[in-house]
């Protein structure tokens, strides 16, 4: 049985084709400079965090840092360029915690290169949105057909760019 992950939530907002490819084990993120930079920022920015913070994996999500005492999920991102995507990914993490009986959890979205943080909370309307998103994501990734090309300027920096546009005219 397939399940929704934080990555699929993010890709839903970024590109449904990328979401489908990732869910169907066609992955190019390991070769992406952006992904490598994001991992480096995550690994080097918060080295001073004490043992109260831990990485957690739960139901297909991987939390950068969770503070169980204060019930705060910390999600680190390279840039706020796709902030809406980051917000919904973090809301999804809070939703998964809630589904697993961990209540009163909040999130902090962190952009260390900009020294900026944003508090994220989940409300009832957000839960309904996430339930609908989850249904749509599962339907899309279970389809035999890969969604069409996005043909957006953001495609040029995507780790799937060469795969998607190998036989296409330059746009």
C-alpha atoms as a PDB file:
ATOM      1  CA  UNK A   1       0.000   0.000   0.000  1.00  0.00           C
ATOM      2  CA  UNK A   2       1.353   3.376  -0.971  1.00  0.00           C
ATOM      3  CA  UNK A   3       1.252   6.265   1.443  1.00  0.00           C
ATOM      4  CA  UNK A   4       1.761   9.996   1.321  1.00  0.00           C
ATOM      5  CA  UNK A   5       5.120  11.362   2.452  1.00  0.00           C
ATOM      6  CA  UNK A   6       6.378  14.849   3.198  1.00  0.00           C
ATOM      7  CA  UNK A   7       8.295  14.795  -0.078  1.00  0.00           C
ATOM      8  CA  UNK A   8       5.133  13.955  -2.031  1.00  0.00           C
ATOM      9  CA  UNK A   9       3.280  16.811  -0.310  1.00  0.00           C
ATOM     10  CA  UNK A  10       6.076  19.198  -1.330  1.00  0.00           C
ATOM     11  CA  UNK A  11       6.181  17.868  -4.888  1.00  0.00           C
ATOM     12  CA  UNK A  12       2.396  18.169  -5.165  1.00  0.00           C
ATOM     13  CA  UNK A  13       2.777  21.940  -4.894  1.00  0.00           C
ATOM     14  CA  UNK A  14       5.958  22.035  -6.950  1.00  0.00           C
ATOM     15  CA  UNK A  15       5.133  19.690  -9.846  1.00  0.00           C
ATOM     16  CA  UNK A  16       2.724  16.742 -10.066  1.00  0.00           C
ATOM     17  CA  UNK A  17       4.915  15.076 -12.695  1.00  0.00           C
ATOM     18  CA  UNK A  18       7.907  15.186 -10.346  1.00  0.00           C
ATOM     19  CA  UNK A  19       5.658  13.812  -7.588  1.00  0.00           C
ATOM     20  CA  UNK A  20       4.542  10.888  -9.771  1.00  0.00           C
ATOM     21  CA  UNK A  21       8.103  10.099 -10.909  1.00  0.00           C
ATOM     22  CA  UNK A  22       9.438  10.168  -7.352  1.00  0.00           C
ATOM     23  CA  UNK A  23       6.600   7.983  -6.048  1.00  0.00           C
ATOM     24  CA  UNK A  24       7.234   5.508  -8.851  1.00  0.00           C
ATOM     25  CA  UNK A  25      10.921   5.116  -7.943  1.00  0.00           C
ATOM     26  CA  UNK A  26      12.281   7.333 -10.734  1.00  0.00           C
ATOM     27  CA  UNK A  27      14.564   9.586  -8.730  1.00  0.00           C
ATOM     28  CA  UNK A  28      17.224  12.111  -9.639  1.00  0.00           C
ATOM     29  CA  UNK A  29      17.485  14.089  -6.402  1.00  0.00           C
ATOM     30  CA  UNK A  30      20.757  12.382  -5.449  1.00  0.00           C
ATOM     31  CA  UNK A  31      22.425  14.179  -8.356  1.00  0.00           C
ATOM     32  CA  UNK A  32      20.884  17.567  -7.566  1.00  0.00           C
ATOM     33  CA  UNK A  33      23.133  20.405  -6.412  1.00  0.00           C
ATOM     34  CA  UNK A  34      20.127  22.040  -4.704  1.00  0.00           C
ATOM     35  CA  UNK A  35      19.402  18.904  -2.666  1.00  0.00           C
ATOM     36  CA  UNK A  36      23.081  18.563  -1.744  1.00  0.00           C
ATOM     37  CA  UNK A  37      23.197  22.217  -0.651  1.00  0.00           C
ATOM     38  CA  UNK A  38      20.042  21.766   1.436  1.00  0.00           C
ATOM     39  CA  UNK A  39      21.549  18.751   3.204  1.00  0.00           C
ATOM     40  CA  UNK A  40      24.761  20.649   3.869  1.00  0.00           C
ATOM     41  CA  UNK A  41      22.848  23.578   5.368  1.00  0.00           C
ATOM     42  CA  UNK A  42      20.828  21.207   7.557  1.00  0.00           C
ATOM     43  CA  UNK A  43      23.934  19.346   8.761  1.00  0.00           C
ATOM     44  CA  UNK A  44      26.110  22.376   9.458  1.00  0.00           C
ATOM     45  CA  UNK A  45      23.764  25.109  10.636  1.00  0.00           C
ATOM     46  CA  UNK A  46      22.481  23.684  13.891  1.00  0.00           C
ATOM     47  CA  UNK A  47      25.422  21.763  15.273  1.00  0.00           C
ATOM     48  CA  UNK A  48      24.932  23.466  18.639  1.00  0.00           C
ATOM     49  CA  UNK A  49      21.513  21.889  19.170  1.00  0.00           C
ATOM     50  CA  UNK A  50      21.460  19.824  22.304  1.00  0.00           C
ATOM     51  CA  UNK A  51      20.252  16.284  22.810  1.00  0.00           C
ATOM     52  CA  UNK A  52      16.659  17.464  23.318  1.00  0.00           C
ATOM     53  CA  UNK A  53      16.362  17.602  19.547  1.00  0.00           C
ATOM     54  CA  UNK A  54      16.184  14.394  17.566  1.00  0.00           C
ATOM     55  CA  UNK A  55      15.470  13.294  14.015  1.00  0.00           C
ATOM     56  CA  UNK A  56      12.284  11.269  13.740  1.00  0.00           C
ATOM     57  CA  UNK A  57      10.862   9.042  11.024  1.00  0.00           C
ATOM     58  CA  UNK A  58       7.147   8.298  11.235  1.00  0.00           C
ATOM     59  CA  UNK A  59       4.712   7.050   8.578  1.00  0.00           C
ATOM     60  CA  UNK A  60       6.957   7.979   5.662  1.00  0.00           C
ATOM     61  CA  UNK A  61       7.975  11.386   6.962  1.00  0.00           C
ATOM     62  CA  UNK A  62      11.411  12.374   8.164  1.00  0.00           C
ATOM     63  CA  UNK A  63      11.565  15.254  10.611  1.00  0.00           C
ATOM     64  CA  UNK A  64      14.773  17.312  10.633  1.00  0.00           C
ATOM     65  CA  UNK A  65      14.576  18.038  14.341  1.00  0.00           C
ATOM     66  CA  UNK A  66      11.843  17.453  16.904  1.00  0.00           C
ATOM     67  CA  UNK A  67      11.834  18.964  20.374  1.00  0.00           C
ATOM     68  CA  UNK A  68       9.614  16.575  22.386  1.00  0.00           C
ATOM     69  CA  UNK A  69       9.621  18.760  25.512  1.00  0.00           C
ATOM     70  CA  UNK A  70       8.122  21.767  23.718  1.00  0.00           C
ATOM     71  CA  UNK A  71       6.400  19.664  21.005  1.00  0.00           C
ATOM     72  CA  UNK A  72       7.976  21.595  18.162  1.00  0.00           C
ATOM     73  CA  UNK A  73       8.935  20.224  14.769  1.00  0.00           C
ATOM     74  CA  UNK A  74      11.823  22.118  13.169  1.00  0.00           C
ATOM     75  CA  UNK A  75      12.027  22.005   9.392  1.00  0.00           C
ATOM     76  CA  UNK A  76      15.119  23.505   7.764  1.00  0.00           C
ATOM     77  CA  UNK A  77      15.024  24.825   4.202  1.00  0.00           C
ATOM     78  CA  UNK A  78      17.641  26.413   1.992  1.00  0.00           C
ATOM     79  CA  UNK A  79      15.551  29.294   0.704  1.00  0.00           C
ATOM     80  CA  UNK A  80      12.016  30.689   1.066  1.00  0.00           C
ATOM     81  CA  UNK A  81      11.624  30.588  -2.713  1.00  0.00           C
ATOM     82  CA  UNK A  82       8.908  27.918  -2.394  1.00  0.00           C
ATOM     83  CA  UNK A  83       7.629  28.903   1.037  1.00  0.00           C
ATOM     84  CA  UNK A  84       4.023  27.797   0.427  1.00  0.00           C
ATOM     85  CA  UNK A  85       5.327  24.321  -0.362  1.00  0.00           C
ATOM     86  CA  UNK A  86       7.418  24.326   2.824  1.00  0.00           C
ATOM     87  CA  UNK A  87       4.476  25.482   4.948  1.00  0.00           C
ATOM     88  CA  UNK A  88       2.212  22.685   3.681  1.00  0.00           C
ATOM     89  CA  UNK A  89       4.936  20.087   4.111  1.00  0.00           C
ATOM     90  CA  UNK A  90       5.364  21.158   7.744  1.00  0.00           C
ATOM     91  CA  UNK A  91       1.588  21.233   8.290  1.00  0.00           C
ATOM     92  CA  UNK A  92       1.492  17.677   6.948  1.00  0.00           C
ATOM     93  CA  UNK A  93       4.138  16.640   9.483  1.00  0.00           C
ATOM     94  CA  UNK A  94       2.038  18.141  12.284  1.00  0.00           C
ATOM     95  CA  UNK A  95      -0.995  16.298  10.884  1.00  0.00           C
ATOM     96  CA  UNK A  96       0.873  12.957  10.937  1.00  0.00           C
ATOM     97  CA  UNK A  97       1.924  13.548  14.545  1.00  0.00           C
ATOM     98  CA  UNK A  98      -1.707  14.306  15.453  1.00  0.00           C
ATOM     99  CA  UNK A  99      -2.898  11.139  13.683  1.00  0.00           C
ATOM    100  CA  UNK A 100      -0.415   9.205  15.817  1.00  0.00           C
ATOM    101  CA  UNK A 101      -1.708  10.634  19.084  1.00  0.00           C
ATOM    102  CA  UNK A 102       0.909  13.364  19.551  1.00  0.00           C
ATOM    103  CA  UNK A 103      -1.165  16.489  20.184  1.00  0.00           C
ATOM    104  CA  UNK A 104      -0.433  20.194  20.589  1.00  0.00           C
ATOM    105  CA  UNK A 105       2.480  20.059  18.152  1.00  0.00           C
ATOM    106  CA  UNK A 106       3.608  23.206  16.365  1.00  0.00           C
ATOM    107  CA  UNK A 107       6.247  23.698  13.721  1.00  0.00           C
ATOM    108  CA  UNK A 108       9.037  26.114  13.059  1.00  0.00           C
ATOM    109  CA  UNK A 109      10.085  26.636   9.479  1.00  0.00           C
ATOM    110  CA  UNK A 110      13.716  27.745   9.425  1.00  0.00           C
ATOM    111  CA  UNK A 111      15.712  29.476   6.689  1.00  0.00           C
ATOM    112  CA  UNK A 112      19.199  29.622   8.240  1.00  0.00           C
ATOM    113  CA  UNK A 113      20.871  31.366   5.302  1.00  0.00           C
ATOM    114  CA  UNK A 114      18.431  34.252   5.836  1.00  0.00           C
ATOM    115  CA  UNK A 115      18.348  33.917   9.627  1.00  0.00           C
ATOM    116  CA  UNK A 116      14.565  33.701   9.443  1.00  0.00           C
ATOM    117  CA  UNK A 117      12.063  31.491  11.261  1.00  0.00           C
ATOM    118  CA  UNK A 118       8.314  31.145  10.921  1.00  0.00           C
ATOM    119  CA  UNK A 119       5.918  29.478  13.382  1.00  0.00           C
ATOM    120  CA  UNK A 120       3.464  27.072  11.721  1.00  0.00           C
ATOM    121  CA  UNK A 121       0.282  25.701  13.257  1.00  0.00           C
ATOM    122  CA  UNK A 122      -2.388  23.317  11.988  1.00  0.00           C
ATOM    123  CA  UNK A 123      -6.075  24.237  12.176  1.00  0.00           C
ATOM    124  CA  UNK A 124      -9.258  22.352  11.288  1.00  0.00           C
ATOM    125  CA  UNK A 125      -9.419  23.848   7.789  1.00  0.00           C
ATOM    126  CA  UNK A 126      -5.804  22.752   7.174  1.00  0.00           C
ATOM    127  CA  UNK A 127      -6.673  19.181   8.236  1.00  0.00           C
ATOM    128  CA  UNK A 128      -9.471  19.060   5.658  1.00  0.00           C
ATOM    129  CA  UNK A 129      -7.132  20.416   2.968  1.00  0.00           C
ATOM    130  CA  UNK A 130      -4.486  17.794   3.850  1.00  0.00           C
ATOM    131  CA  UNK A 131      -7.041  14.969   3.736  1.00  0.00           C
ATOM    132  CA  UNK A 132      -8.124  16.092   0.255  1.00  0.00           C
ATOM    133  CA  UNK A 133      -4.502  16.553  -0.868  1.00  0.00           C
ATOM    134  CA  UNK A 134      -3.657  13.066   0.381  1.00  0.00           C
ATOM    135  CA  UNK A 135      -6.519  11.538  -1.615  1.00  0.00           C
ATOM    136  CA  UNK A 136      -5.493  13.413  -4.762  1.00  0.00           C
ATOM    137  CA  UNK A 137      -1.820  12.492  -4.306  1.00  0.00           C
ATOM    138  CA  UNK A 138      -2.628   8.800  -3.849  1.00  0.00           C
ATOM    139  CA  UNK A 139      -4.888   8.853  -6.900  1.00  0.00           C
ATOM    140  CA  UNK A 140      -2.233  10.596  -9.016  1.00  0.00           C
ATOM    141  CA  UNK A 141       0.716   8.405  -8.005  1.00  0.00           C
ATOM    142  CA  UNK A 142      -1.350   5.226  -8.457  1.00  0.00           C
ATOM    143  CA  UNK A 143      -2.209   6.158 -12.022  1.00  0.00           C
ATOM    144  CA  UNK A 144      -0.506   4.313 -14.853  1.00  0.00           C
ATOM    145  CA  UNK A 145      -0.005   7.663 -16.625  1.00  0.00           C
ATOM    146  CA  UNK A 146       2.620  10.167 -15.660  1.00  0.00           C
ATOM    147  CA  UNK A 147       1.248  13.750 -15.491  1.00  0.00           C
ATOM    148  CA  UNK A 148       2.214  16.041 -18.356  1.00  0.00           C
ATOM    149  CA  UNK A 149       5.070  18.499 -18.521  1.00  0.00           C
ATOM    150  CA  UNK A 150       4.754  21.664 -16.478  1.00  0.00           C
ATOM    151  CA  UNK A 151       6.737  23.869 -18.914  1.00  0.00           C
ATOM    152  CA  UNK A 152       7.626  26.442 -16.305  1.00  0.00           C
ATOM    153  CA  UNK A 153      10.780  28.476 -15.734  1.00  0.00           C
ATOM    154  CA  UNK A 154      11.262  26.593 -12.459  1.00  0.00           C
ATOM    155  CA  UNK A 155      11.724  23.402 -14.510  1.00  0.00           C
ATOM    156  CA  UNK A 156      15.205  24.494 -15.583  1.00  0.00           C
ATOM    157  CA  UNK A 157      16.561  24.080 -12.035  1.00  0.00           C
ATOM    158  CA  UNK A 158      14.772  20.798 -11.343  1.00  0.00           C
ATOM    159  CA  UNK A 159      16.721  17.568 -10.888  1.00  0.00           C
ATOM    160  CA  UNK A 160      14.282  15.938 -13.366  1.00  0.00           C
ATOM    161  CA  UNK A 161      14.816  18.558 -16.097  1.00  0.00           C
ATOM    162  CA  UNK A 162      16.920  16.431 -18.441  1.00  0.00           C
ATOM    163  CA  UNK A 163      14.628  13.440 -17.972  1.00  0.00           C
ATOM    164  CA  UNK A 164      11.486  15.448 -18.733  1.00  0.00           C
ATOM    165  CA  UNK A 165      12.862  17.471 -21.628  1.00  0.00           C
ATOM    166  CA  UNK A 166      15.239  15.007 -23.292  1.00  0.00           C
ATOM    167  CA  UNK A 167      13.211  14.901 -26.510  1.00  0.00           C
ATOM    168  CA  UNK A 168      11.566  18.324 -26.319  1.00  0.00           C
ATOM    169  CA  UNK A 169      12.290  21.515 -28.182  1.00  0.00           C
ATOM    170  CA  UNK A 170      13.752  24.296 -26.053  1.00  0.00           C
ATOM    171  CA  UNK A 171      10.868  26.365 -24.673  1.00  0.00           C
END
